[in-house]
Structures are given as C-alpha cells and as structure tokens.
C-alpha atoms as a PDB file:
ATOM      1  CA  MET A   1     238.049 121.537 253.445  1.00  0.00           C
ATOM      2  CA  ALA A   2     234.289 120.905 253.251  1.00  0.00           C
ATOM      3  CA  LYS A   3     232.256 123.618 251.584  1.00  0.00           C
ATOM      4  CA  VAL A   4     229.325 125.422 253.194  1.00  0.00           C
ATOM      5  CA  ALA A   5     226.946 123.330 251.112  1.00  0.00           C
ATOM      6  CA  ASP A   6     227.831 120.245 253.119  1.00  0.00           C
ATOM      7  CA  ILE A   7     224.969 119.598 255.554  1.00  0.00           C
ATOM      8  CA  GLY A   8     226.922 117.126 257.636  1.00  0.00           C
ATOM      9  CA  SER A   9     226.247 114.077 255.481  1.00  0.00           C
ATOM     10  CA  LYS A  10     229.439 112.421 256.680  1.00  0.00           C
ATOM     11  CA  ARG A  11     228.376 112.841 260.290  1.00  0.00           C
ATOM     12  CA  LEU A  12     224.948 111.433 259.519  1.00  0.00           C
ATOM     13  CA  ILE A  13     226.093 108.339 257.648  1.00  0.00           C
ATOM     14  CA  ASN A  14     228.846 107.685 260.182  1.00  0.00           C
ATOM     15  CA  LEU A  15     226.171 107.155 262.860  1.00  0.00           C
ATOM     16  CA  ALA A  16     225.308 103.741 261.412  1.00  0.00           C
ATOM     17  CA  PRO A  17     227.268 103.072 258.215  1.00  0.00           C
ATOM     18  CA  ASP A  18     226.261  99.399 257.985  1.00  0.00           C
ATOM     19  CA  ALA A  19     222.560 100.196 258.181  1.00  0.00           C
ATOM     20  CA  TRP A  20     223.037 102.989 255.651  1.00  0.00           C
ATOM     21  CA  VAL A  21     224.776 100.938 252.952  1.00  0.00           C
ATOM     22  CA  LYS A  22     222.277  98.109 253.367  1.00  0.00           C
ATOM     23  CA  TRP A  23     219.447 100.607 252.873  1.00  0.00           C
ATOM     24  CA  VAL A  24     220.805 102.490 249.859  1.00  0.00           C
ATOM     25  CA  THR A  25     221.870  99.320 248.040  1.00  0.00           C
ATOM     26  CA  GLN A  26     218.797  97.324 249.143  1.00  0.00           C
ATOM     27  CA  ARG A  27     221.123  94.376 249.873  1.00  0.00           C
ATOM     28  CA  PRO A  28     221.095  93.087 253.455  1.00  0.00           C
ATOM     29  CA  GLU A  29     224.436  91.277 253.078  1.00  0.00           C
ATOM     30  CA  VAL A  30     226.399  94.477 252.347  1.00  0.00           C
ATOM     31  CA  MET A  31     228.669  95.794 255.112  1.00  0.00           C
ATOM     32  CA  ALA A  32     230.439  99.135 255.433  1.00  0.00           C
ATOM     33  CA  LYS A  33     234.211  98.877 255.860  1.00  0.00           C
ATOM     34  CA  GLU A  34     235.247 102.535 256.068  1.00  0.00           C
ATOM     35  CA  ILE A  35     234.300 106.056 255.049  1.00  0.00           C
ATOM     36  CA  LEU A  36     236.823 107.353 252.537  1.00  0.00           C
ATOM     37  CA  GLY A  37     237.960 110.816 251.587  1.00  0.00           C
ATOM     38  CA  SER A  38     235.924 111.977 248.599  1.00  0.00           C
ATOM     39  CA  GLU A  39     237.291 115.411 247.768  1.00  0.00           C
ATOM     40  CA  PHE A  40     238.023 115.708 244.065  1.00  0.00           C
ATOM     41  CA  HIS A  41     239.829 119.016 243.902  1.00  0.00           C
ATOM     42  CA  TRP A  42     239.896 119.181 240.120  1.00  0.00           C
ATOM     43  CA  ILE A  43     236.115 119.524 239.856  1.00  0.00           C
ATOM     44  CA  SER A  44     233.848 122.257 241.189  1.00  0.00           C
ATOM     45  CA  ARG A  45     232.780 120.633 244.469  1.00  0.00           C
ATOM     46  CA  GLU A  46     233.113 117.553 246.622  1.00  0.00           C
ATOM     47  CA  THR A  47     230.876 114.562 246.782  1.00  0.00           C
ATOM     48  CA  ASP A  48     229.226 114.149 250.139  1.00  0.00           C
ATOM     49  CA  VAL A  49     230.231 110.699 251.379  1.00  0.00           C
ATOM     50  CA  LEU A  50     232.149 107.832 249.824  1.00  0.00           C
ATOM     51  CA  VAL A  51     231.893 104.522 251.686  1.00  0.00           C
ATOM     52  CA  LYS A  52     234.012 101.456 251.023  1.00  0.00           C
ATOM     53  CA  ALA A  53     231.656  98.489 251.323  1.00  0.00           C
ATOM     54  CA  TYR A  54     231.873  94.732 251.053  1.00  0.00           C
ATOM     55  CA  SER A  55     229.642  91.819 250.163  1.00  0.00           C
ATOM     56  CA  ALA A  56     230.541  88.146 249.812  1.00  0.00           C
ATOM     57  CA  THR A  57     229.094  88.168 246.293  1.00  0.00           C
ATOM     58  CA  HIS A  58     230.722  91.312 244.914  1.00  0.00           C
ATOM     59  CA  GLY A  59     233.759  91.835 247.131  1.00  0.00           C
ATOM     60  CA  ASP A  60     234.933  95.381 247.875  1.00  0.00           C
ATOM     61  CA  PHE A  61     233.157  98.255 246.144  1.00  0.00           C
ATOM     62  CA  LEU A  62     232.332 101.923 246.671  1.00  0.00           C
ATOM     63  CA  VAL A  63     228.978 103.410 247.661  1.00  0.00           C
ATOM     64  CA  LEU A  64     228.976 107.016 246.500  1.00  0.00           C
ATOM     65  CA  ASN A  65     226.356 109.035 248.424  1.00  0.00           C
ATOM     66  CA  GLU A  66     225.363 112.443 247.093  1.00  0.00           C
ATOM     67  CA  LEU A  67     222.820 114.253 249.288  1.00  0.00           C
ATOM     68  CA  GLN A  68     221.116 117.187 247.622  1.00  0.00           C
ATOM     69  CA  LEU A  69     218.748 119.621 249.301  1.00  0.00           C
ATOM     70  CA  ARG A  70     216.916 119.860 245.953  1.00  0.00           C
ATOM     71  CA  TYR A  71     217.568 118.102 242.648  1.00  0.00           C
ATOM     72  CA  THR A  72     218.889 120.254 239.794  1.00  0.00           C
ATOM     73  CA  ALA A  73     219.203 119.614 236.076  1.00  0.00           C
ATOM     74  CA  GLN A  74     222.992 119.459 236.459  1.00  0.00           C
ATOM     75  CA  MET A  75     222.941 116.409 238.748  1.00  0.00           C
ATOM     76  CA  PRO A  76     223.106 113.669 236.041  1.00  0.00           C
ATOM     77  CA  LEU A  77     226.384 115.064 234.695  1.00  0.00           C
ATOM     78  CA  ARG A  78     227.761 115.491 238.211  1.00  0.00           C
ATOM     79  CA  MET A  79     226.871 111.917 239.120  1.00  0.00           C
ATOM     80  CA  ARG A  80     228.658 110.683 236.014  1.00  0.00           C
ATOM     81  CA  ALA A  81     231.768 112.679 236.932  1.00  0.00           C
ATOM     82  CA  TYR A  82     231.745 111.662 240.601  1.00  0.00           C
ATOM     83  CA  ALA A  83     231.302 107.963 239.839  1.00  0.00           C
ATOM     84  CA  ALA A  84     234.123 107.941 237.300  1.00  0.00           C
ATOM     85  CA  LEU A  85     236.511 109.906 239.496  1.00  0.00           C
ATOM     86  CA  ALA A  86     235.823 107.721 242.537  1.00  0.00           C
ATOM     87  CA  GLN A  87     236.372 104.534 240.548  1.00  0.00           C
ATOM     88  CA  GLU A  88     239.583 105.856 239.003  1.00  0.00           C
ATOM     89  CA  ARG A  89     240.955 107.026 242.344  1.00  0.00           C
ATOM     90  CA  TYR A  90     240.228 103.857 244.344  1.00  0.00           C
ATOM     91  CA  GLN A  91     240.199 101.298 241.509  1.00  0.00           C
ATOM     92  CA  LEU A  92     236.937  99.754 242.747  1.00  0.00           C
ATOM     93  CA  PRO A  93     233.471  99.332 241.223  1.00  0.00           C
ATOM     94  CA  THR A  94     231.199 102.204 242.225  1.00  0.00           C
ATOM     95  CA  TYR A  95     227.528 102.240 243.210  1.00  0.00           C
ATOM     96  CA  PRO A  96     226.366 105.887 242.951  1.00  0.00           C
ATOM     97  CA  VAL A  97     223.325 107.026 244.946  1.00  0.00           C
ATOM     98  CA  LEU A  98     221.628 110.408 244.709  1.00  0.00           C
ATOM     99  CA  ILE A  99     219.497 111.264 247.758  1.00  0.00           C
ATOM    100  CA  ASN A 100     217.153 114.221 247.168  1.00  0.00           C
ATOM    101  CA  ILE A 101     215.902 115.783 250.396  1.00  0.00           C
ATOM    102  CA  LEU A 102     213.175 118.167 249.187  1.00  0.00           C
ATOM    103  CA  PRO A 103     211.068 117.987 245.998  1.00  0.00           C
ATOM    104  CA  PRO A 104     212.237 120.094 243.026  1.00  0.00           C
ATOM    105  CA  PRO A 105     209.890 122.360 241.026  1.00  0.00           C
ATOM    106  CA  SER A 106     207.114 120.435 239.274  1.00  0.00           C
ATOM    107  CA  THR A 107     208.576 121.437 235.903  1.00  0.00           C
ATOM    108  CA  LEU A 108     211.810 119.545 236.615  1.00  0.00           C
ATOM    109  CA  THR A 109     211.868 115.786 236.036  1.00  0.00           C
ATOM    110  CA  ILE A 110     214.232 113.717 238.174  1.00  0.00           C
ATOM    111  CA  VAL A 111     216.179 111.174 236.120  1.00  0.00           C
ATOM    112  CA  ASN A 112     218.348 108.261 237.246  1.00  0.00           C
ATOM    113  CA  SER A 113     220.928 108.207 234.489  1.00  0.00           C
ATOM    114  CA  TYR A 114     223.200 110.394 232.394  1.00  0.00           C
ATOM    115  CA  GLU A 115     223.199 109.757 228.667  1.00  0.00           C
ATOM    116  CA  GLN A 116     224.971 111.567 225.866  1.00  0.00           C
ATOM    117  CA  GLU A 117     225.827 110.667 222.290  1.00  0.00           C
ATOM    118  CA  PHE A 118     228.441 112.641 220.394  1.00  0.00           C
ATOM    119  CA  LEU A 119     229.982 111.764 217.042  1.00  0.00           C
ATOM    120  CA  GLY A 120     228.687 108.221 217.300  1.00  0.00           C
ATOM    121  CA  LEU A 121     230.085 107.650 220.810  1.00  0.00           C
ATOM    122  CA  ARG A 122     227.826 107.128 223.817  1.00  0.00           C
ATOM    123  CA  ALA A 123     228.382 108.011 227.466  1.00  0.00           C
ATOM    124  CA  ILE A 124     226.020 106.405 229.985  1.00  0.00           C
ATOM    125  CA  GLN A 125     226.004 106.487 233.773  1.00  0.00           C
ATOM    126  CA  ASP A 126     223.185 104.976 235.812  1.00  0.00           C
ATOM    127  CA  TYR A 127     222.722 105.832 239.481  1.00  0.00           C
ATOM    128  CA  ARG A 128     220.137 105.075 242.112  1.00  0.00           C
ATOM    129  CA  VAL A 129     217.783 107.906 243.074  1.00  0.00           C
ATOM    130  CA  ILE A 130     216.211 108.088 246.525  1.00  0.00           C
ATOM    131  CA  ASN A 131     213.646 110.834 247.053  1.00  0.00           C
ATOM    132  CA  LEU A 132     213.177 111.223 250.787  1.00  0.00           C
ATOM    133  CA  TRP A 133     209.602 112.482 250.474  1.00  0.00           C
ATOM    134  CA  GLU A 134     208.713 109.094 248.934  1.00  0.00           C
ATOM    135  CA  ILE A 135     210.236 107.094 251.825  1.00  0.00           C
ATOM    136  CA  ASP A 136     207.854 105.836 254.535  1.00  0.00           C
ATOM    137  CA  ALA A 137     208.762 107.334 257.904  1.00  0.00           C
ATOM    138  CA  GLU A 138     208.106 104.025 259.643  1.00  0.00           C
ATOM    139  CA  ILE A 139     211.139 102.522 257.892  1.00  0.00           C
ATOM    140  CA  VAL A 140     213.388 104.822 259.934  1.00  0.00           C
ATOM    141  CA  PHE A 141     212.068 103.441 263.209  1.00  0.00           C
ATOM    142  CA  GLY A 142     211.741  99.834 262.039  1.00  0.00           C
ATOM    143  CA  GLN A 143     215.150  99.075 260.524  1.00  0.00           C
ATOM    144  CA  PRO A 144     216.370 101.312 262.344  1.00  0.00           C
ATOM    145  CA  LEU A 145     218.046 104.103 260.358  1.00  0.00           C
ATOM    146  CA  PRO A 146     219.326 106.732 262.828  1.00  0.00           C
ATOM    147  CA  SER A 147     220.919 108.719 260.007  1.00  0.00           C
ATOM    148  CA  LEU A 148     217.435 109.514 258.713  1.00  0.00           C
ATOM    149  CA  LEU A 149     215.852 110.509 262.035  1.00  0.00           C
ATOM    150  CA  PRO A 150     216.363 114.275 261.452  1.00  0.00           C
ATOM    151  CA  PHE A 151     214.552 113.961 258.107  1.00  0.00           C
ATOM    152  CA  VAL A 152     211.460 112.228 259.531  1.00  0.00           C
ATOM    153  CA  PRO A 153     209.168 115.301 259.201  1.00  0.00           C
ATOM    154  CA  ILE A 154     209.615 115.407 255.414  1.00  0.00           C
ATOM    155  CA  LEU A 155     209.285 111.655 254.882  1.00  0.00           C
ATOM    156  CA  ARG A 156     205.966 110.145 253.811  1.00  0.00           C
ATOM    157  CA  GLY A 157     203.695 110.141 256.832  1.00  0.00           C
ATOM    158  CA  GLY A 158     206.325 111.868 258.938  1.00  0.00           C
ATOM    159  CA  GLY A 159     204.673 115.272 259.197  1.00  0.00           C
ATOM    160  CA  GLU A 160     202.316 114.191 261.972  1.00  0.00           C
ATOM    161  CA  VAL A 161     203.011 115.624 265.425  1.00  0.00           C
ATOM    162  CA  SER A 162     203.096 112.151 266.985  1.00  0.00           C
ATOM    163  CA  VAL A 163     205.698 110.949 264.466  1.00  0.00           C
ATOM    164  CA  VAL A 164     207.914 114.008 264.954  1.00  0.00           C
ATOM    165  CA  LYS A 165     207.743 113.407 268.714  1.00  0.00           C
ATOM    166  CA  ARG A 166     208.849 109.785 268.198  1.00  0.00           C
ATOM    167  CA  ALA A 167     211.841 110.980 266.197  1.00  0.00           C
ATOM    168  CA  LEU A 168     212.682 113.531 268.887  1.00  0.00           C
ATOM    169  CA  GLN A 169     212.490 110.873 271.615  1.00  0.00           C
ATOM    170  CA  ALA A 170     214.809 108.609 269.612  1.00  0.00           C
ATOM    171  CA  LEU A 171     217.345 111.417 269.233  1.00  0.00           C
ATOM    172  CA  ARG A 172     217.243 112.345 272.911  1.00  0.00           C
ATOM    173  CA  ALA A 173     217.598 108.721 273.988  1.00  0.00           C
ATOM    174  CA  ASP A 174     221.059 108.476 272.385  1.00  0.00           C
ATOM    175  CA  ALA A 175     223.824 110.873 273.405  1.00  0.00           C
ATOM    176  CA  GLN A 176     225.431 110.440 269.985  1.00  0.00           C
ATOM    177  CA  LEU A 177     222.276 111.756 268.316  1.00  0.00           C
ATOM    178  CA  ASN A 178     221.583 114.782 270.529  1.00  0.00           C
ATOM    179  CA  GLU A 179     223.283 117.199 268.151  1.00  0.00           C
ATOM    180  CA  LEU A 180     220.777 116.296 265.430  1.00  0.00           C
ATOM    181  CA  GLU A 181     217.834 117.763 267.344  1.00  0.00           C
ATOM    182  CA  SER A 182     218.250 121.151 265.686  1.00  0.00           C
ATOM    183  CA  LEU A 183     218.244 119.521 262.241  1.00  0.00           C
ATOM    184  CA  LEU A 184     215.006 117.713 263.108  1.00  0.00           C
ATOM    185  CA  ALA A 185     213.510 121.056 264.161  1.00  0.00           C
ATOM    186  CA  PHE A 186     214.598 122.623 260.890  1.00  0.00           C
ATOM    187  CA  PHE A 187     212.815 120.033 258.763  1.00  0.00           C
ATOM    188  CA  ALA A 188     209.811 119.991 261.096  1.00  0.00           C
ATOM    189  CA  SER A 189     209.404 123.702 260.314  1.00  0.00           C
ATOM    190  CA  PHE A 190     208.691 122.742 256.677  1.00  0.00           C
ATOM    191  CA  VAL A 191     205.518 120.873 257.643  1.00  0.00           C
ATOM    192  CA  LEU A 192     204.446 122.312 261.008  1.00  0.00           C
ATOM    193  CA  ASP A 193     203.883 125.843 262.270  1.00  0.00           C
ATOM    194  CA  THR A 194     206.802 127.354 264.162  1.00  0.00           C
ATOM    195  CA  PRO A 195     204.900 127.682 267.491  1.00  0.00           C
ATOM    196  CA  LEU A 196     203.999 123.992 267.279  1.00  0.00           C
ATOM    197  CA  VAL A 197     207.615 123.049 266.581  1.00  0.00           C
ATOM    198  CA  GLN A 198     208.642 125.132 269.595  1.00  0.00           C
ATOM    199  CA  GLN A 199     206.095 123.313 271.714  1.00  0.00           C
ATOM    200  CA  ILE A 200     207.288 119.884 270.573  1.00  0.00           C
ATOM    201  CA  MET A 201     210.954 120.678 271.030  1.00  0.00           C
ATOM    202  CA  ARG A 202     210.407 122.616 274.270  1.00  0.00           C
ATOM    203  CA  TRP A 203     213.111 125.087 273.503  1.00  0.00           C
ATOM    204  CA  ASP A 204     213.388 128.487 271.876  1.00  0.00           C
ATOM    205  CA  MET A 205     213.828 128.455 268.093  1.00  0.00           C
ATOM    206  CA  ALA A 206     216.772 130.806 268.618  1.00  0.00           C
ATOM    207  CA  VAL A 207     218.722 127.658 269.498  1.00  0.00           C
ATOM    208  CA  LEU A 208     218.058 126.414 265.976  1.00  0.00           C
ATOM    209  CA  ARG A 209     219.264 129.641 264.373  1.00  0.00           C
ATOM    210  CA  GLU A 210     222.514 129.496 266.343  1.00  0.00           C
ATOM    211  CA  SER A 211     223.180 125.924 265.246  1.00  0.00           C
ATOM    212  CA  PRO A 212     225.841 125.263 262.581  1.00  0.00           C
ATOM    213  CA  TRP A 213     223.326 122.891 260.953  1.00  0.00           C
ATOM    214  CA  TYR A 214     220.934 125.791 260.428  1.00  0.00           C
ATOM    215  CA  HIS A 215     223.586 128.034 258.924  1.00  0.00           C
ATOM    216  CA  GLU A 216     224.850 125.307 256.593  1.00  0.00           C
ATOM    217  CA  ILE A 217     221.391 124.526 255.248  1.00  0.00           C
ATOM    218  CA  GLU A 218     220.386 128.194 255.165  1.00  0.00           C
ATOM    219  CA  GLN A 219     223.504 129.026 253.151  1.00  0.00           C
ATOM    220  CA  ARG A 220     222.779 126.158 250.765  1.00  0.00           C
ATOM    221  CA  GLY A 221     219.261 127.497 250.334  1.00  0.00           C
ATOM    222  CA  ILE A 222     220.542 131.005 249.684  1.00  0.00           C
ATOM    223  CA  GLN A 223     223.083 129.786 247.148  1.00  0.00           C
ATOM    224  CA  GLN A 224     220.525 127.660 245.330  1.00  0.00           C
ATOM    225  CA  GLY A 225     218.003 130.491 245.519  1.00  0.00           C
ATOM    226  CA  ILE A 226     220.416 132.932 243.908  1.00  0.00           C
ATOM    227  CA  GLN A 227     221.291 130.449 241.160  1.00  0.00           C
ATOM    228  CA  GLN A 228     217.657 129.599 240.532  1.00  0.00           C
ATOM    229  CA  GLY A 229     216.760 133.292 240.496  1.00  0.00           C
ATOM    230  CA  VAL A 230     219.386 134.084 237.870  1.00  0.00           C
ATOM    231  CA  GLN A 231     218.329 131.052 235.837  1.00  0.00           C
ATOM    232  CA  GLN A 232     214.638 131.948 236.071  1.00  0.00           C
ATOM    233  CA  GLY A 233     215.340 135.556 235.087  1.00  0.00           C
ATOM    234  CA  ALA A 234     217.313 134.471 232.009  1.00  0.00           C
ATOM    235  CA  ARG A 235     214.535 132.064 231.043  1.00  0.00           C
ATOM    236  CA  GLN A 236     211.819 134.717 231.373  1.00  0.00           C
ATOM    237  CA  GLN A 237     213.863 137.166 229.335  1.00  0.00           C
ATOM    238  CA  LEU A 238     214.324 134.580 226.577  1.00  0.00           C
ATOM    239  CA  ILE A 239     210.593 133.808 226.465  1.00  0.00           C
ATOM    240  CA  ARG A 240     209.804 137.533 226.337  1.00  0.00           C
ATOM    241  CA  VAL A 241     212.091 138.003 223.324  1.00  0.00           C
ATOM    242  CA  LEU A 242     210.570 134.991 221.552  1.00  0.00           C
ATOM    243  CA  ARG A 243     207.039 136.278 222.140  1.00  0.00           C
ATOM    244  CA  ARG A 244     207.854 139.739 220.877  1.00  0.00           C
ATOM    245  CA  ARG A 245     209.381 138.296 217.732  1.00  0.00           C
ATOM    246  CA  PHE A 246     207.067 135.383 216.960  1.00  0.00           C
ATOM    247  CA  GLY A 247     203.909 135.788 219.055  1.00  0.00           C
ATOM    248  CA  GLU A 248     202.579 133.079 221.366  1.00  0.00           C
ATOM    249  CA  ILE A 249     205.089 130.350 222.238  1.00  0.00           C
ATOM    250  CA  PRO A 250     203.970 126.689 222.467  1.00  0.00           C
ATOM    251  CA  GLN A 251     203.983 125.292 226.004  1.00  0.00           C
ATOM    252  CA  GLU A 252     206.366 122.495 225.043  1.00  0.00           C
ATOM    253  CA  VAL A 253     208.990 125.051 224.016  1.00  0.00           C
ATOM    254  CA  GLU A 254     208.765 126.761 227.411  1.00  0.00           C
ATOM    255  CA  VAL A 255     209.073 123.401 229.167  1.00  0.00           C
ATOM    256  CA  ARG A 256     212.179 122.487 227.168  1.00  0.00           C
ATOM    257  CA  ILE A 257     213.809 125.792 228.097  1.00  0.00           C
ATOM    258  CA  GLU A 258     213.083 125.206 231.812  1.00  0.00           C
ATOM    259  CA  GLY A 259     216.022 122.902 232.481  1.00  0.00           C
ATOM    260  CA  GLU A 260     218.668 124.872 230.592  1.00  0.00           C
ATOM    261  CA  SER A 261     221.620 126.383 232.423  1.00  0.00           C
ATOM    262  CA  VAL A 262     222.245 130.132 232.523  1.00  0.00           C
ATOM    263  CA  GLU A 263     225.041 129.760 229.941  1.00  0.00           C
ATOM    264  CA  GLN A 264     222.783 127.739 227.633  1.00  0.00           C
ATOM    265  CA  LEU A 265     219.986 130.288 228.041  1.00  0.00           C
ATOM    266  CA  GLU A 266     222.373 133.085 227.078  1.00  0.00           C
ATOM    267  CA  ASN A 267     223.359 131.180 223.927  1.00  0.00           C
ATOM    268  CA  LEU A 268     219.691 130.584 223.123  1.00  0.00           C
ATOM    269  CA  MET A 269     219.051 134.294 223.560  1.00  0.00           C
ATOM    270  CA  ASP A 270     221.605 135.019 220.851  1.00  0.00           C
ATOM    271  CA  SER A 271     219.853 132.489 218.617  1.00  0.00           C
ATOM    272  CA  ALA A 272     216.411 133.956 219.381  1.00  0.00           C
ATOM    273  CA  ILE A 273     217.604 137.322 218.149  1.00  0.00           C
ATOM    274  CA  ALA A 274     219.326 135.945 215.044  1.00  0.00           C
ATOM    275  CA  VAL A 275     216.807 133.397 213.694  1.00  0.00           C
ATOM    276  CA  ASN A 276     214.084 134.255 211.169  1.00  0.00           C
ATOM    277  CA  SER A 277     211.349 131.998 212.533  1.00  0.00           C
ATOM    278  CA  LEU A 278     210.232 130.103 215.618  1.00  0.00           C
ATOM    279  CA  ASP A 279     210.721 126.814 213.760  1.00  0.00           C
ATOM    280  CA  GLU A 280     214.351 127.735 213.188  1.00  0.00           C
ATOM    281  CA  PHE A 281     214.754 128.464 216.904  1.00  0.00           C
ATOM    282  CA  VAL A 282     213.134 125.137 217.844  1.00  0.00           C
ATOM    283  CA  SER A 283     215.536 123.373 215.483  1.00  0.00           C
ATOM    284  CA  ILE A 284     218.495 124.959 217.310  1.00  0.00           C
ATOM    285  CA  LEU A 285     216.927 124.028 220.663  1.00  0.00           C
ATOM    286  CA  SER A 286     216.736 120.404 219.535  1.00  0.00           C
ATOM    287  CA  THR A 287     220.431 120.112 218.666  1.00  0.00           C
END
C-alpha cells in the first residue's frame, strides 16, 4: 500500500513512460517496457517508481525514479539501499535517479553519490540528480514531457503567467491529464499570488484543497516540517551547550552539524557535555 508521502509519481510517469526514461537517462534510444512494483517492505519506505527499460546497446535494465519534495541528508544512503534492493530483486542493472522538486535549505549540499569507508572496505553508489528548478520549462513543451507539466511553475522560467497558462492549456487539451490541474495550481501557488492563480485557473482554490493531490503533498510537507523542526531544535540545543562551555563556535563547526540526524545530534550532545575542550569535540565530530 502506497504511503501518504507518495505524490502520485507512478501516475505521472505512466502518462508517457518512454519520454520519461529517455529524459532521465539522456539516451534517446531507451524505451520503457513496463512499470514494476517497487515496494521493499523490509526498509522504511517505498521507492516511487521502478521502470523496466531497454536499449539495443545495454539490453534490459531498471530505471529507479525517486521523487522527493525536498532533498534531505539521508537521501544518499536511501539511494544506495534502493538501487541494491532493486537490482537484487529483479537481477538487472539499475540506473538510479533522484528528482528533487523544491530546493533544500542553502546550508544543505545536494550530492550525487553515497560513499563510505569502514575497516578498509568501501561502499560507493552513484546516482543521477535532477533538480527541477534547474530544468528549463521550455523542455516540457518541446520534447514533450507531459509528466512534468504540473511542475512547470517551479521550473526555470516557468513562473511567468504566460508559461503557466500554456501548461494549463496543455493539461486541459488531454482528457488523461485533466486530473493534474490541481497539482499545477499547487505549484503555481509557490511562485504566484493566490488570487492570480485563481484567475488563471478560473476556479475556486477550494477545489485544490479538496484534491487528493493537495492532501498528499500537504501531508508530506507536514511530515518533513515536523522532522526538520525536531532536527533544528536538537541542533540549536547542541550549539547552545557548546557555546556555554567553550564560548564562540567556529562557523565551520555549525555547518558540519547542520546535516546530522536527530540521533547523531543526541550522541553529539552527550559528547559536548563530556569533552574537556572544543578541539576534543571537533575530533569526535570528524570520526
């Protein structure tokens, strides 16, 4: 059963799977064969969409699509796990793609690989990163890419009223795409005032709030907001303890703490209380 965090990625990609796999792989000869089940019940959540693809050069392979509302520091490890589990389950090479919908905080750097070394052994997983805010909106209309039409307002150059109207016209011209109108309105509200969005869409925004798309994305936002709030609170508490014990904290130390999980921050709090100097704390932070 799909979790609330799913924003309908399967429905989106299923609109034009061939166009999608060509776009994410940047290989025009690739074709989509089928959308596979991608629920890995022994990990915390499902991947969004797993597509079995084919090219004359590489044969059958998997395109693993992970759509994230906002990138988090945990994504590299998740991408490593998803890619390995998909390959093990279907016994096919896997091409993992992470699609970030909205920009993360400026303090968080998006990376395109997972790397870890432990006891002389290395684990590495590369994956392609696509940040939608860096994609030119004209690509959606030119290729075309109907799966990306609802995201046009947040694409580069897509926040203009005329461009949003073009996306709306494209959705309304295809009966299969009509249901995506509310999703387009949702993302238009990120870049345009609500009254203007109402004027463009020519319907009451209450329609948007009653849409399952709205509730799915809203719930994802709430869940991420809660997690980020807890994480931010733990980080601020740790910095406060360090300042009380050792005075002013170098900016680079604060930046390094930024990406830590709540559990890691709690462990660092124990260290901050136990150590005798800031240098000793930094040494622990570096391990």
